[in-house]
Amino acid sequence: MQASPEKLRALVDELEAISPPGFDPRYFSTLRSMLESSARVQALSAELDGLSKRTTPQDAARREAILAEMKILGERVSADARDLQRYVPMQAPAASGAKTP
């Protein structure tokens, strides 16, 4: 079962509300951007599926436009994923057995 985009946005909002102080808010805005892009890709995919058996020149042009938009969205999600990694707080190093004062 797949969660709706609205439920996922609500979950991100909840996670942001309980995040520790100092957590970079760009993390959550980038995550929301990725969710919006994903929802748009799903909508475009459904539209493309509906156009797959149609052969009018208008349908072919729309298919090309959809594919171009999906490519742009894919590039945006890739960039957002790179950004998301930068916004994650650094973890404390794993305990190596040495005691700290």
C-alpha atoms as a PDB file:
ATOM      1  CA  MET A   1       0.000   0.000   0.000  1.00  0.00           C
ATOM      2  CA  GLN A   2       1.317   3.420  -0.975  1.00  0.00           C
ATOM      3  CA  ALA A   3       0.806   6.526   1.164  1.00  0.00           C
ATOM      4  CA  SER A   4      -0.745   9.575  -0.450  1.00  0.00           C
ATOM      5  CA  PRO A   5       1.380  12.680  -1.002  1.00  0.00           C
ATOM      6  CA  GLU A   6      -0.749  14.483   1.589  1.00  0.00           C
ATOM      7  CA  LYS A   7      -0.011  11.851   4.225  1.00  0.00           C
ATOM      8  CA  LEU A   8       3.684  11.963   3.428  1.00  0.00           C
ATOM      9  CA  ARG A   9       3.739  15.764   3.710  1.00  0.00           C
ATOM     10  CA  ALA A  10       1.961  15.517   7.060  1.00  0.00           C
ATOM     11  CA  LEU A  11       4.563  13.005   8.216  1.00  0.00           C
ATOM     12  CA  VAL A  12       7.399  15.330   7.166  1.00  0.00           C
ATOM     13  CA  ASP A  13       5.693  18.181   9.036  1.00  0.00           C
ATOM     14  CA  GLU A  14       5.456  15.988  12.128  1.00  0.00           C
ATOM     15  CA  LEU A  15       9.097  14.942  11.865  1.00  0.00           C
ATOM     16  CA  GLU A  16      10.139  18.564  11.518  1.00  0.00           C
ATOM     17  CA  ALA A  17       8.107  19.501  14.592  1.00  0.00           C
ATOM     18  CA  ILE A  18       9.886  16.900  16.733  1.00  0.00           C
ATOM     19  CA  SER A  19      13.361  17.367  15.247  1.00  0.00           C
ATOM     20  CA  PRO A  20      16.099  18.378  17.678  1.00  0.00           C
ATOM     21  CA  PRO A  21      17.082  22.044  17.953  1.00  0.00           C
ATOM     22  CA  GLY A  22      19.644  23.080  15.401  1.00  0.00           C
ATOM     23  CA  PHE A  23      18.455  20.594  12.780  1.00  0.00           C
ATOM     24  CA  ASP A  24      18.824  22.307   9.405  1.00  0.00           C
ATOM     25  CA  PRO A  25      15.314  23.298   8.211  1.00  0.00           C
ATOM     26  CA  ARG A  26      16.529  23.019   4.593  1.00  0.00           C
ATOM     27  CA  TYR A  27      16.457  19.252   5.113  1.00  0.00           C
ATOM     28  CA  PHE A  28      12.688  19.286   5.485  1.00  0.00           C
ATOM     29  CA  SER A  29      12.045  21.805   2.713  1.00  0.00           C
ATOM     30  CA  THR A  30      14.185  19.709   0.369  1.00  0.00           C
ATOM     31  CA  LEU A  31      12.359  16.565   1.434  1.00  0.00           C
ATOM     32  CA  ARG A  32       9.045  18.292   0.666  1.00  0.00           C
ATOM     33  CA  SER A  33      10.373  19.327  -2.739  1.00  0.00           C
ATOM     34  CA  MET A  34      11.284  15.715  -3.464  1.00  0.00           C
ATOM     35  CA  LEU A  35       7.822  14.558  -2.421  1.00  0.00           C
ATOM     36  CA  GLU A  36       6.176  17.147  -4.684  1.00  0.00           C
ATOM     37  CA  SER A  37       8.367  16.086  -7.600  1.00  0.00           C
ATOM     38  CA  SER A  38       7.542  12.451  -6.969  1.00  0.00           C
ATOM     39  CA  ALA A  39       3.812  13.176  -6.889  1.00  0.00           C
ATOM     40  CA  ARG A  40       4.120  15.097 -10.170  1.00  0.00           C
ATOM     41  CA  VAL A  41       6.042  12.237 -11.800  1.00  0.00           C
ATOM     42  CA  GLN A  42       3.309   9.815 -10.703  1.00  0.00           C
ATOM     43  CA  ALA A  43       0.626  12.047 -12.222  1.00  0.00           C
ATOM     44  CA  LEU A  44       2.589  12.423 -15.454  1.00  0.00           C
ATOM     45  CA  SER A  45       3.183   8.685 -15.598  1.00  0.00           C
ATOM     46  CA  ALA A  46      -0.543   8.013 -15.296  1.00  0.00           C
ATOM     47  CA  GLU A  47      -1.230  10.531 -18.061  1.00  0.00           C
ATOM     48  CA  LEU A  48       1.466   8.995 -20.242  1.00  0.00           C
ATOM     49  CA  ASP A  49      -0.043   5.566 -19.706  1.00  0.00           C
ATOM     50  CA  GLY A  50      -3.387   6.909 -20.908  1.00  0.00           C
ATOM     51  CA  LEU A  51      -1.763   8.348 -24.022  1.00  0.00           C
ATOM     52  CA  SER A  52       0.210   5.217 -24.873  1.00  0.00           C
ATOM     53  CA  LYS A  53      -2.295   3.779 -27.342  1.00  0.00           C
ATOM     54  CA  ARG A  54      -3.360   7.054 -28.927  1.00  0.00           C
ATOM     55  CA  THR A  55      -1.777   8.171 -32.177  1.00  0.00           C
ATOM     56  CA  THR A  56      -2.898  11.692 -32.996  1.00  0.00           C
ATOM     57  CA  PRO A  57      -0.194  14.321 -33.529  1.00  0.00           C
ATOM     58  CA  GLN A  58      -1.478  16.162 -30.443  1.00  0.00           C
ATOM     59  CA  ASP A  59      -1.081  13.005 -28.356  1.00  0.00           C
ATOM     60  CA  ALA A  60       2.443  12.455 -29.668  1.00  0.00           C
ATOM     61  CA  ALA A  61       3.324  16.063 -28.837  1.00  0.00           C
ATOM     62  CA  ARG A  62       1.897  15.675 -25.338  1.00  0.00           C
ATOM     63  CA  ARG A  63       3.891  12.463 -24.821  1.00  0.00           C
ATOM     64  CA  GLU A  64       7.074  14.315 -25.776  1.00  0.00           C
ATOM     65  CA  ALA A  65       6.210  17.160 -23.398  1.00  0.00           C
ATOM     66  CA  ILE A  66       5.539  14.702 -20.574  1.00  0.00           C
ATOM     67  CA  LEU A  67       8.834  12.904 -21.148  1.00  0.00           C
ATOM     68  CA  ALA A  68      10.710  16.209 -21.177  1.00  0.00           C
ATOM     69  CA  GLU A  69       9.075  17.279 -17.918  1.00  0.00           C
ATOM     70  CA  MET A  70       9.808  13.906 -16.335  1.00  0.00           C
ATOM     71  CA  LYS A  71      13.471  14.286 -17.287  1.00  0.00           C
ATOM     72  CA  ILE A  72      13.603  17.716 -15.643  1.00  0.00           C
ATOM     73  CA  LEU A  73      11.888  16.359 -12.533  1.00  0.00           C
ATOM     74  CA  GLY A  74      14.350  13.457 -12.383  1.00  0.00           C
ATOM     75  CA  GLU A  75      17.265  15.871 -12.522  1.00  0.00           C
ATOM     76  CA  ARG A  76      15.667  17.992  -9.791  1.00  0.00           C
ATOM     77  CA  VAL A  77      15.167  14.966  -7.537  1.00  0.00           C
ATOM     78  CA  SER A  78      18.808  13.950  -8.067  1.00  0.00           C
ATOM     79  CA  ALA A  79      19.977  17.442  -7.108  1.00  0.00           C
ATOM     80  CA  ASP A  80      17.634  17.467  -4.110  1.00  0.00           C
ATOM     81  CA  ALA A  81      18.995  14.094  -2.983  1.00  0.00           C
ATOM     82  CA  ARG A  82      22.552  15.463  -3.069  1.00  0.00           C
ATOM     83  CA  ASP A  83      21.433  18.536  -1.128  1.00  0.00           C
ATOM     84  CA  LEU A  84      19.560  16.401   1.380  1.00  0.00           C
ATOM     85  CA  GLN A  85      22.759  14.568   2.259  1.00  0.00           C
ATOM     86  CA  ARG A  86      24.480  17.876   3.009  1.00  0.00           C
ATOM     87  CA  TYR A  87      21.721  18.949   5.393  1.00  0.00           C
ATOM     88  CA  VAL A  88      21.853  15.834   7.573  1.00  0.00           C
ATOM     89  CA  PRO A  89      23.576  16.628  10.866  1.00  0.00           C
ATOM     90  CA  MET A  90      26.934  15.027  11.393  1.00  0.00           C
ATOM     91  CA  GLN A  91      26.778  12.020  13.672  1.00  0.00           C
ATOM     92  CA  ALA A  92      29.113  11.764  16.621  1.00  0.00           C
ATOM     93  CA  PRO A  93      31.927   9.295  15.891  1.00  0.00           C
ATOM     94  CA  ALA A  94      31.242   5.764  16.988  1.00  0.00           C
ATOM     95  CA  ALA A  95      32.614   4.819  20.374  1.00  0.00           C
ATOM     96  CA  SER A  96      36.091   3.412  19.969  1.00  0.00           C
ATOM     97  CA  GLY A  97      36.475   2.310  23.532  1.00  0.00           C
ATOM     98  CA  ALA A  98      38.393   5.425  24.483  1.00  0.00           C
ATOM     99  CA  LYS A  99      36.962   7.467  27.332  1.00  0.00           C
ATOM    100  CA  THR A 100      36.423  11.144  26.943  1.00  0.00           C
ATOM    101  CA  PRO A 101      37.023  13.473  29.873  1.00  0.00           C
END
